[in-house]
Amino acid sequence: MLITAGFLGVMASFAVATRAQAESGLASYYGGDGRHGEMTCAHRTRPFGSIIRVSHNGRSIQCRVNDRGPFIRGRVIDVSVSAARALGMINAGVVRVSLE
C-alpha cells in the first residue's frame, strides 16, 4: 500500500512538471544581437541555453533561450528575426503561439 501511494505521488509530480512546460500565448520578435540567422528567444523563466519548440500556423521551430523577457503583459515569448521569419510572423508582428 505504501509503495502505491509513493508511486502515485511521483506520477502526480511528473504530471505537474510536464504541464508547466507547455504554454500558449502571444509572441513578438526583436532585432537582438545574436549571430546572423541564429534562432534565439527571450523567455521569463526557462533556463538560459534551454531549447523551446515554438509553433504557429502549422510551422514549428526550435529556438535557444538567451535572454529574459518579454516584459509586455500577455506575451509569453519574444523570438529573434530569423525565428520570426521561419514562423511566418514578420508581417503580423504579434501572433498566437504554443511552446513546448
PDB file of N, CA and C in Angstrom:
ATOM      1  N   MET A   1       0.829  -1.193   0.000  1.00  0.00           N
ATOM      2  CA  MET A   1       0.000   0.000   0.000  1.00  0.00           C
ATOM      3  C   MET A   1       0.870   1.252   0.000  1.00  0.00           C
ATOM      4  N   LEU A   2       1.930   1.251   0.798  1.00  0.00           N
ATOM      5  CA  LEU A   2       2.832   2.406   0.886  1.00  0.00           C
ATOM      6  C   LEU A   2       3.544   2.647  -0.433  1.00  0.00           C
ATOM      7  N   ILE A   3       3.917   1.594  -1.130  1.00  0.00           N
ATOM      8  CA  ILE A   3       4.589   1.719  -2.420  1.00  0.00           C
ATOM      9  C   ILE A   3       3.652   2.372  -3.430  1.00  0.00           C
ATOM     10  N   THR A   4       2.404   1.954  -3.455  1.00  0.00           N
ATOM     11  CA  THR A   4       1.430   2.520  -4.377  1.00  0.00           C
ATOM     12  C   THR A   4       1.235   4.009  -4.128  1.00  0.00           C
ATOM     13  N   ALA A   5       1.131   4.425  -2.886  1.00  0.00           N
ATOM     14  CA  ALA A   5       0.960   5.844  -2.569  1.00  0.00           C
ATOM     15  C   ALA A   5       2.182   6.643  -3.016  1.00  0.00           C
ATOM     16  N   GLY A   6       3.371   6.093  -2.808  1.00  0.00           N
ATOM     17  CA  GLY A   6       4.598   6.771  -3.248  1.00  0.00           C
ATOM     18  C   GLY A   6       4.646   6.908  -4.754  1.00  0.00           C
ATOM     19  N   PHE A   7       4.272   5.838  -5.466  1.00  0.00           N
ATOM     20  CA  PHE A   7       4.259   5.853  -6.923  1.00  0.00           C
ATOM     21  C   PHE A   7       3.278   6.893  -7.443  1.00  0.00           C
ATOM     22  N   LEU A   8       2.096   6.956  -6.854  1.00  0.00           N
ATOM     23  CA  LEU A   8       1.104   7.949  -7.280  1.00  0.00           C
ATOM     24  C   LEU A   8       1.599   9.367  -7.038  1.00  0.00           C
ATOM     25  N   GLY A   9       2.315   9.577  -5.929  1.00  0.00           N
ATOM     26  CA  GLY A   9       2.878  10.899  -5.645  1.00  0.00           C
ATOM     27  C   GLY A   9       3.905  11.309  -6.681  1.00  0.00           C
ATOM     28  N   VAL A  10       4.761  10.368  -7.083  1.00  0.00           N
ATOM     29  CA  VAL A  10       5.764  10.646  -8.111  1.00  0.00           C
ATOM     30  C   VAL A  10       5.081  10.959  -9.434  1.00  0.00           C
ATOM     31  N   MET A  11       4.085  10.176  -9.806  1.00  0.00           N
ATOM     32  CA  MET A  11       3.374  10.397 -11.068  1.00  0.00           C
ATOM     33  C   MET A  11       2.654  11.745 -11.068  1.00  0.00           C
ATOM     34  N   ALA A  12       2.072  12.139  -9.948  1.00  0.00           N
ATOM     35  CA  ALA A  12       1.395  13.433  -9.862  1.00  0.00           C
ATOM     36  C   ALA A  12       2.405  14.555 -10.015  1.00  0.00           C
ATOM     37  N   SER A  13       3.581  14.422  -9.416  1.00  0.00           N
ATOM     38  CA  SER A  13       4.630  15.442  -9.558  1.00  0.00           C
ATOM     39  C   SER A  13       5.082  15.545 -11.007  1.00  0.00           C
ATOM     40  N   PHE A  14       5.233  14.392 -11.673  1.00  0.00           N
ATOM     41  CA  PHE A  14       5.644  14.380 -13.075  1.00  0.00           C
ATOM     42  C   PHE A  14       4.603  15.073 -13.940  1.00  0.00           C
ATOM     43  N   ALA A  15       3.332  14.825 -13.699  1.00  0.00           N
ATOM     44  CA  ALA A  15       2.259  15.443 -14.485  1.00  0.00           C
ATOM     45  C   ALA A  15       2.274  16.954 -14.321  1.00  0.00           C
ATOM     46  N   VAL A  16       2.495  17.445 -13.117  1.00  0.00           N
ATOM     47  CA  VAL A  16       2.550  18.890 -12.882  1.00  0.00           C
ATOM     48  C   VAL A  16       3.746  19.490 -13.595  1.00  0.00           C
ATOM     49  N   ALA A  17       4.908  18.836 -13.530  1.00  0.00           N
ATOM     50  CA  ALA A  17       6.114  19.333 -14.188  1.00  0.00           C
ATOM     51  C   ALA A  17       5.935  19.360 -15.698  1.00  0.00           C
ATOM     52  N   THR A  18       5.287  18.336 -16.259  1.00  0.00           N
ATOM     53  CA  THR A  18       5.073  18.281 -17.692  1.00  0.00           C
ATOM     54  C   THR A  18       4.130  19.391 -18.140  1.00  0.00           C
ATOM     55  N   ARG A  19       3.057  19.616 -17.398  1.00  0.00           N
ATOM     56  CA  ARG A  19       2.119  20.671 -17.753  1.00  0.00           C
ATOM     57  C   ARG A  19       2.772  22.045 -17.680  1.00  0.00           C
ATOM     58  N   ALA A  20       3.672  22.236 -16.746  1.00  0.00           N
ATOM     59  CA  ALA A  20       4.328  23.527 -16.581  1.00  0.00           C
ATOM     60  C   ALA A  20       5.195  23.861 -17.790  1.00  0.00           C
ATOM     61  N   GLN A  21       5.626  22.859 -18.544  1.00  0.00           N
ATOM     62  CA  GLN A  21       6.492  23.089 -19.688  1.00  0.00           C
ATOM     63  C   GLN A  21       5.715  23.575 -20.918  1.00  0.00           C
ATOM     64  N   ALA A  22       4.460  23.235 -21.039  1.00  0.00           N
ATOM     65  CA  ALA A  22       3.661  23.641 -22.187  1.00  0.00           C
ATOM     66  C   ALA A  22       2.982  24.971 -21.892  1.00  0.00           C
ATOM     67  N   GLU A  23       3.074  25.888 -22.853  1.00  0.00           N
ATOM     68  CA  GLU A  23       2.441  27.204 -22.705  1.00  0.00           C
ATOM     69  C   GLU A  23       1.855  27.615 -24.047  1.00  0.00           C
ATOM     70  N   SER A  24       0.953  28.557 -24.013  1.00  0.00           N
ATOM     71  CA  SER A  24       0.491  29.189 -25.239  1.00  0.00           C
ATOM     72  C   SER A  24       0.182  30.639 -24.922  1.00  0.00           C
ATOM     73  N   GLY A  25       0.272  31.461 -25.927  1.00  0.00           N
ATOM     74  CA  GLY A  25       0.025  32.885 -25.748  1.00  0.00           C
ATOM     75  C   GLY A  25       0.578  33.664 -26.915  1.00  0.00           C
ATOM     76  N   LEU A  26       0.795  34.939 -26.694  1.00  0.00           N
ATOM     77  CA  LEU A  26       1.262  35.824 -27.761  1.00  0.00           C
ATOM     78  C   LEU A  26       2.783  35.878 -27.816  1.00  0.00           C
ATOM     79  N   ALA A  27       3.285  35.975 -29.036  1.00  0.00           N
ATOM     80  CA  ALA A  27       4.728  36.109 -29.263  1.00  0.00           C
ATOM     81  C   ALA A  27       4.988  37.312 -30.149  1.00  0.00           C
ATOM     82  N   SER A  28       6.110  37.955 -29.910  1.00  0.00           N
ATOM     83  CA  SER A  28       6.572  39.034 -30.778  1.00  0.00           C
ATOM     84  C   SER A  28       8.020  38.734 -31.131  1.00  0.00           C
ATOM     85  N   TYR A  29       8.640  39.604 -31.933  1.00  0.00           N
ATOM     86  CA  TYR A  29      10.041  39.368 -32.274  1.00  0.00           C
ATOM     87  C   TYR A  29      10.857  40.624 -32.058  1.00  0.00           C
ATOM     88  N   TYR A  30      12.160  40.427 -31.968  1.00  0.00           N
ATOM     89  CA  TYR A  30      13.086  41.520 -31.665  1.00  0.00           C
ATOM     90  C   TYR A  30      14.315  41.415 -32.550  1.00  0.00           C
ATOM     91  N   GLY A  31      15.045  42.503 -32.672  1.00  0.00           N
ATOM     92  CA  GLY A  31      16.233  42.561 -33.514  1.00  0.00           C
ATOM     93  C   GLY A  31      17.443  41.899 -32.917  1.00  0.00           C
ATOM     94  N   GLY A  32      17.507  41.730 -31.615  1.00  0.00           N
ATOM     95  CA  GLY A  32      18.562  41.004 -30.913  1.00  0.00           C
ATOM     96  C   GLY A  32      19.971  41.070 -31.475  1.00  0.00           C
ATOM     97  N   ASP A  33      20.950  40.745 -30.643  1.00  0.00           N
ATOM     98  CA  ASP A  33      22.350  40.770 -31.034  1.00  0.00           C
ATOM     99  C   ASP A  33      22.914  39.379 -31.274  1.00  0.00           C
ATOM    100  N   GLY A  34      22.073  38.390 -31.489  1.00  0.00           N
ATOM    101  CA  GLY A  34      22.550  37.024 -31.715  1.00  0.00           C
ATOM    102  C   GLY A  34      23.292  36.909 -33.040  1.00  0.00           C
ATOM    103  N   ARG A  35      23.928  35.768 -33.245  1.00  0.00           N
ATOM    104  CA  ARG A  35      24.617  35.519 -34.515  1.00  0.00           C
ATOM    105  C   ARG A  35      23.626  35.537 -35.662  1.00  0.00           C
ATOM    106  N   HIS A  36      24.075  35.969 -36.828  1.00  0.00           N
ATOM    107  CA  HIS A  36      23.223  36.069 -38.005  1.00  0.00           C
ATOM    108  C   HIS A  36      22.533  34.734 -38.289  1.00  0.00           C
ATOM    109  N   GLY A  37      21.222  34.755 -38.358  1.00  0.00           N
ATOM    110  CA  GLY A  37      20.452  33.569 -38.689  1.00  0.00           C
ATOM    111  C   GLY A  37      20.177  32.635 -37.523  1.00  0.00           C
ATOM    112  N   GLU A  38      20.731  32.937 -36.350  1.00  0.00           N
ATOM    113  CA  GLU A  38      20.511  32.054 -35.203  1.00  0.00           C
ATOM    114  C   GLU A  38      19.100  32.244 -34.661  1.00  0.00           C
ATOM    115  N   MET A  39      18.433  31.140 -34.381  1.00  0.00           N
ATOM    116  CA  MET A  39      17.082  31.207 -33.836  1.00  0.00           C
ATOM    117  C   MET A  39      17.170  31.197 -32.314  1.00  0.00           C
ATOM    118  N   THR A  40      16.983  32.377 -31.741  1.00  0.00           N
ATOM    119  CA  THR A  40      17.049  32.537 -30.296  1.00  0.00           C
ATOM    120  C   THR A  40      15.747  33.154 -29.807  1.00  0.00           C
ATOM    121  N   CYS A  41      15.586  33.187 -28.490  1.00  0.00           N
ATOM    122  CA  CYS A  41      14.363  33.751 -27.938  1.00  0.00           C
ATOM    123  C   CYS A  41      14.606  34.270 -26.524  1.00  0.00           C
ATOM    124  N   ALA A  42      13.652  35.068 -26.071  1.00  0.00           N
ATOM    125  CA  ALA A  42      13.650  35.577 -24.702  1.00  0.00           C
ATOM    126  C   ALA A  42      12.426  34.999 -24.006  1.00  0.00           C
ATOM    127  N   HIS A  43      12.648  34.435 -22.811  1.00  0.00           N
ATOM    128  CA  HIS A  43      11.575  33.864 -22.014  1.00  0.00           C
ATOM    129  C   HIS A  43      11.792  34.274 -20.568  1.00  0.00           C
ATOM    130  N   ARG A  44      10.717  34.476 -19.833  1.00  0.00           N
ATOM    131  CA  ARG A  44      10.835  34.964 -18.450  1.00  0.00           C
ATOM    132  C   ARG A  44      11.464  33.962 -17.492  1.00  0.00           C
ATOM    133  N   THR A  45      11.147  32.680 -17.631  1.00  0.00           N
ATOM    134  CA  THR A  45      11.546  31.723 -16.590  1.00  0.00           C
ATOM    135  C   THR A  45      12.379  30.537 -17.052  1.00  0.00           C
ATOM    136  N   ARG A  46      12.338  30.178 -18.299  1.00  0.00           N
ATOM    137  CA  ARG A  46      13.083  28.997 -18.749  1.00  0.00           C
ATOM    138  C   ARG A  46      14.580  29.259 -18.633  1.00  0.00           C
ATOM    139  N   PRO A  47      15.368  28.236 -18.299  1.00  0.00           N
ATOM    140  CA  PRO A  47      16.814  28.426 -18.108  1.00  0.00           C
ATOM    141  C   PRO A  47      17.523  28.852 -19.396  1.00  0.00           C
ATOM    142  N   PHE A  48      18.543  29.694 -19.254  1.00  0.00           N
ATOM    143  CA  PHE A  48      19.363  30.075 -20.398  1.00  0.00           C
ATOM    144  C   PHE A  48      19.953  28.821 -21.030  1.00  0.00           C
ATOM    145  N   GLY A  49      19.966  28.791 -22.350  1.00  0.00           N
ATOM    146  CA  GLY A  49      20.511  27.651 -23.073  1.00  0.00           C
ATOM    147  C   GLY A  49      19.497  26.566 -23.369  1.00  0.00           C
ATOM    148  N   SER A  50      18.329  26.605 -22.722  1.00  0.00           N
ATOM    149  CA  SER A  50      17.330  25.565 -22.986  1.00  0.00           C
ATOM    150  C   SER A  50      16.707  25.794 -24.365  1.00  0.00           C
ATOM    151  N   ILE A  51      16.228  24.717 -24.951  1.00  0.00           N
ATOM    152  CA  ILE A  51      15.634  24.759 -26.290  1.00  0.00           C
ATOM    153  C   ILE A  51      14.116  24.671 -26.147  1.00  0.00           C
ATOM    154  N   ILE A  52      13.437  25.577 -26.833  1.00  0.00           N
ATOM    155  CA  ILE A  52      11.974  25.620 -26.798  1.00  0.00           C
ATOM    156  C   ILE A  52      11.453  25.407 -28.211  1.00  0.00           C
ATOM    157  N   ARG A  53      10.452  24.536 -28.343  1.00  0.00           N
ATOM    158  CA  ARG A  53       9.774  24.368 -29.636  1.00  0.00           C
ATOM    159  C   ARG A  53       8.624  25.372 -29.665  1.00  0.00           C
ATOM    160  N   VAL A  54       8.637  26.238 -30.681  1.00  0.00           N
ATOM    161  CA  VAL A  54       7.614  27.271 -30.847  1.00  0.00           C
ATOM    162  C   VAL A  54       6.822  26.932 -32.098  1.00  0.00           C
ATOM    163  N   SER A  55       5.492  26.887 -32.004  1.00  0.00           N
ATOM    164  CA  SER A  55       4.632  26.535 -33.138  1.00  0.00           C
ATOM    165  C   SER A  55       3.627  27.640 -33.409  1.00  0.00           C
ATOM    166  N   HIS A  56       3.412  27.905 -34.710  1.00  0.00           N
ATOM    167  CA  HIS A  56       2.437  28.908 -35.158  1.00  0.00           C
ATOM    168  C   HIS A  56       1.947  28.521 -36.548  1.00  0.00           C
ATOM    169  N   ASN A  57       0.634  28.436 -36.723  1.00  0.00           N
ATOM    170  CA  ASN A  57       0.015  28.160 -38.030  1.00  0.00           C
ATOM    171  C   ASN A  57       0.636  26.972 -38.766  1.00  0.00           C
ATOM    172  N   GLY A  58       0.849  25.876 -38.069  1.00  0.00           N
ATOM    173  CA  GLY A  58       1.374  24.683 -38.712  1.00  0.00           C
ATOM    174  C   GLY A  58       2.886  24.669 -38.888  1.00  0.00           C
ATOM    175  N   ARG A  59       3.546  25.749 -38.551  1.00  0.00           N
ATOM    176  CA  ARG A  59       5.012  25.802 -38.614  1.00  0.00           C
ATOM    177  C   ARG A  59       5.571  25.634 -37.211  1.00  0.00           C
ATOM    178  N   SER A  60       6.719  25.004 -37.126  1.00  0.00           N
ATOM    179  CA  SER A  60       7.322  24.757 -35.831  1.00  0.00           C
ATOM    180  C   SER A  60       8.838  24.932 -35.935  1.00  0.00           C
ATOM    181  N   ILE A  61       9.423  25.607 -34.956  1.00  0.00           N
ATOM    182  CA  ILE A  61      10.876  25.813 -34.926  1.00  0.00           C
ATOM    183  C   ILE A  61      11.389  25.476 -33.532  1.00  0.00           C
ATOM    184  N   GLN A  62      12.695  25.368 -33.423  1.00  0.00           N
ATOM    185  CA  GLN A  62      13.336  25.239 -32.116  1.00  0.00           C
ATOM    186  C   GLN A  62      14.226  26.455 -31.939  1.00  0.00           C
ATOM    187  N   CYS A  63      14.123  27.113 -30.795  1.00  0.00           N
ATOM    188  CA  CYS A  63      14.983  28.261 -30.526  1.00  0.00           C
ATOM    189  C   CYS A  63      15.597  28.124 -29.138  1.00  0.00           C
ATOM    190  N   ARG A  64      16.747  28.759 -28.970  1.00  0.00           N
ATOM    191  CA  ARG A  64      17.505  28.684 -27.721  1.00  0.00           C
ATOM    192  C   ARG A  64      17.258  29.927 -26.893  1.00  0.00           C
ATOM    193  N   VAL A  65      16.967  29.753 -25.607  1.00  0.00           N
ATOM    194  CA  VAL A  65      16.745  30.880 -24.704  1.00  0.00           C
ATOM    195  C   VAL A  65      18.090  31.536 -24.398  1.00  0.00           C
ATOM    196  N   ASN A  66      18.207  32.833 -24.756  1.00  0.00           N
ATOM    197  CA  ASN A  66      19.450  33.552 -24.470  1.00  0.00           C
ATOM    198  C   ASN A  66      19.200  34.916 -23.840  1.00  0.00           C
ATOM    199  N   ASP A  67      17.939  35.177 -23.452  1.00  0.00           N
ATOM    200  CA  ASP A  67      17.605  36.483 -22.882  1.00  0.00           C
ATOM    201  C   ASP A  67      16.356  36.347 -22.013  1.00  0.00           C
ATOM    202  N   ARG A  68      16.086  37.367 -21.221  1.00  0.00           N
ATOM    203  CA  ARG A  68      14.873  37.418 -20.409  1.00  0.00           C
ATOM    204  C   ARG A  68      13.863  38.338 -21.079  1.00  0.00           C
ATOM    205  N   GLY A  69      12.623  38.057 -20.895  1.00  0.00           N
ATOM    206  CA  GLY A  69      11.547  38.842 -21.480  1.00  0.00           C
ATOM    207  C   GLY A  69      10.480  37.867 -21.934  1.00  0.00           C
ATOM    208  N   PRO A  70       9.462  38.290 -22.574  1.00  0.00           N
ATOM    209  CA  PRO A  70       9.107  39.673 -22.863  1.00  0.00           C
ATOM    210  C   PRO A  70       8.547  40.355 -21.617  1.00  0.00           C
ATOM    211  N   PHE A  71       8.589  41.655 -21.639  1.00  0.00           N
ATOM    212  CA  PHE A  71       8.130  42.423 -20.488  1.00  0.00           C
ATOM    213  C   PHE A  71       6.828  43.154 -20.773  1.00  0.00           C
ATOM    214  N   ILE A  72       6.124  42.726 -21.803  1.00  0.00           N
ATOM    215  CA  ILE A  72       4.820  43.284 -22.137  1.00  0.00           C
ATOM    216  C   ILE A  72       3.757  42.272 -21.718  1.00  0.00           C
ATOM    217  N   ARG A  73       2.798  42.721 -20.944  1.00  0.00           N
ATOM    218  CA  ARG A  73       1.743  41.849 -20.417  1.00  0.00           C
ATOM    219  C   ARG A  73       1.061  41.078 -21.545  1.00  0.00           C
ATOM    220  N   GLY A  74       0.839  39.792 -21.308  1.00  0.00           N
ATOM    221  CA  GLY A  74       0.131  38.948 -22.260  1.00  0.00           C
ATOM    222  C   GLY A  74       1.022  38.209 -23.234  1.00  0.00           C
ATOM    223  N   ARG A  75       2.298  38.578 -23.308  1.00  0.00           N
ATOM    224  CA  ARG A  75       3.207  37.889 -24.221  1.00  0.00           C
ATOM    225  C   ARG A  75       3.995  36.839 -23.462  1.00  0.00           C
ATOM    226  N   VAL A  76       4.186  35.672 -24.089  1.00  0.00           N
ATOM    227  CA  VAL A  76       4.885  34.574 -23.423  1.00  0.00           C
ATOM    228  C   VAL A  76       6.315  34.395 -23.908  1.00  0.00           C
ATOM    229  N   ILE A  77       6.632  34.924 -25.099  1.00  0.00           N
ATOM    230  CA  ILE A  77       7.969  34.752 -25.658  1.00  0.00           C
ATOM    231  C   ILE A  77       8.237  35.831 -26.698  1.00  0.00           C
ATOM    232  N   ASP A  78       9.498  36.216 -26.818  1.00  0.00           N
ATOM    233  CA  ASP A  78       9.988  37.056 -27.916  1.00  0.00           C
ATOM    234  C   ASP A  78      10.987  36.213 -28.681  1.00  0.00           C
ATOM    235  N   VAL A  79      10.896  36.201 -30.001  1.00  0.00           N
ATOM    236  CA  VAL A  79      11.817  35.410 -30.813  1.00  0.00           C
ATOM    237  C   VAL A  79      12.677  36.328 -31.675  1.00  0.00           C
ATOM    238  N   SER A  80      13.823  35.826 -32.114  1.00  0.00           N
ATOM    239  CA  SER A  80      14.712  36.587 -32.979  1.00  0.00           C
ATOM    240  C   SER A  80      14.072  36.758 -34.359  1.00  0.00           C
ATOM    241  N   VAL A  81      14.630  37.650 -35.160  1.00  0.00           N
ATOM    242  CA  VAL A  81      14.100  37.904 -36.502  1.00  0.00           C
ATOM    243  C   VAL A  81      14.134  36.630 -37.346  1.00  0.00           C
ATOM    244  N   SER A  82      15.223  35.874 -37.278  1.00  0.00           N
ATOM    245  CA  SER A  82      15.306  34.650 -38.085  1.00  0.00           C
ATOM    246  C   SER A  82      14.243  33.639 -37.648  1.00  0.00           C
ATOM    247  N   ALA A  83      13.976  33.548 -36.359  1.00  0.00           N
ATOM    248  CA  ALA A  83      12.920  32.657 -35.871  1.00  0.00           C
ATOM    249  C   ALA A  83      11.550  33.154 -36.326  1.00  0.00           C
ATOM    250  N   ALA A  84      11.346  34.470 -36.299  1.00  0.00           N
ATOM    251  CA  ALA A  84      10.072  35.050 -36.741  1.00  0.00           C
ATOM    252  C   ALA A  84       9.843  34.774 -38.225  1.00  0.00           C
ATOM    253  N   ARG A  85      10.899  34.875 -39.017  1.00  0.00           N
ATOM    254  CA  ARG A  85      10.774  34.555 -40.454  1.00  0.00           C
ATOM    255  C   ARG A  85      10.368  33.095 -40.643  1.00  0.00           C
ATOM    256  N   ALA A  86      11.036  32.209 -39.922  1.00  0.00           N
ATOM    257  CA  ALA A  86      10.747  30.778 -40.049  1.00  0.00           C
ATOM    258  C   ALA A  86       9.311  30.456 -39.632  1.00  0.00           C
ATOM    259  N   LEU A  87       8.779  31.215 -38.687  1.00  0.00           N
ATOM    260  CA  LEU A  87       7.396  31.012 -38.230  1.00  0.00           C
ATOM    261  C   LEU A  87       6.375  31.724 -39.116  1.00  0.00           C
ATOM    262  N   GLY A  88       6.832  32.590 -40.010  1.00  0.00           N
ATOM    263  CA  GLY A  88       5.919  33.331 -40.880  1.00  0.00           C
ATOM    264  C   GLY A  88       5.163  34.425 -40.163  1.00  0.00           C
ATOM    265  N   MET A  89       5.812  35.080 -39.187  1.00  0.00           N
ATOM    266  CA  MET A  89       5.114  36.092 -38.397  1.00  0.00           C
ATOM    267  C   MET A  89       5.638  37.510 -38.607  1.00  0.00           C
ATOM    268  N   ILE A  90       6.525  37.717 -39.553  1.00  0.00           N
ATOM    269  CA  ILE A  90       7.130  39.038 -39.752  1.00  0.00           C
ATOM    270  C   ILE A  90       6.073  40.106 -40.038  1.00  0.00           C
ATOM    271  N   ASN A  91       5.163  39.839 -40.947  1.00  0.00           N
ATOM    272  CA  ASN A  91       4.154  40.847 -41.305  1.00  0.00           C
ATOM    273  C   ASN A  91       3.167  41.125 -40.183  1.00  0.00           C
ATOM    274  N   ALA A  92       2.844  40.103 -39.401  1.00  0.00           N
ATOM    275  CA  ALA A  92       1.868  40.268 -38.324  1.00  0.00           C
ATOM    276  C   ALA A  92       2.477  40.961 -37.114  1.00  0.00           C
ATOM    277  N   GLY A  93       3.729  40.681 -36.811  1.00  0.00           N
ATOM    278  CA  GLY A  93       4.383  41.289 -35.660  1.00  0.00           C
ATOM    279  C   GLY A  93       4.122  40.567 -34.351  1.00  0.00           C
ATOM    280  N   VAL A  94       2.867  40.342 -34.026  1.00  0.00           N
ATOM    281  CA  VAL A  94       2.482  39.619 -32.807  1.00  0.00           C
ATOM    282  C   VAL A  94       1.499  38.527 -33.223  1.00  0.00           C
ATOM    283  N   VAL A  95       1.791  37.281 -32.809  1.00  0.00           N
ATOM    284  CA  VAL A  95       0.933  36.148 -33.169  1.00  0.00           C
ATOM    285  C   VAL A  95       0.737  35.231 -31.964  1.00  0.00           C
ATOM    286  N   ARG A  96      -0.267  34.379 -32.049  1.00  0.00           N
ATOM    287  CA  ARG A  96      -0.508  33.381 -31.006  1.00  0.00           C
ATOM    288  C   ARG A  96       0.349  32.158 -31.321  1.00  0.00           C
ATOM    289  N   VAL A  97       1.064  31.663 -30.299  1.00  0.00           N
ATOM    290  CA  VAL A  97       1.949  30.517 -30.454  1.00  0.00           C
ATOM    291  C   VAL A  97       1.712  29.512 -29.332  1.00  0.00           C
ATOM    292  N   SER A  98       2.239  28.318 -29.533  1.00  0.00           N
ATOM    293  CA  SER A  98       2.298  27.342 -28.442  1.00  0.00           C
ATOM    294  C   SER A  98       3.756  26.955 -28.258  1.00  0.00           C
ATOM    295  N   LEU A  99       4.126  26.722 -26.991  1.00  0.00           N
ATOM    296  CA  LEU A  99       5.510  26.406 -26.626  1.00  0.00           C
ATOM    297  C   LEU A  99       5.560  25.030 -25.993  1.00  0.00           C
ATOM    298  N   GLU A 100       6.609  24.304 -26.275  1.00  0.00           N
ATOM    299  CA  GLU A 100       6.870  23.008 -25.629  1.00  0.00           C
ATOM    300  C   GLU A 100       8.315  22.958 -25.206  1.00  0.00           C
TER     301      GLU A 100
END
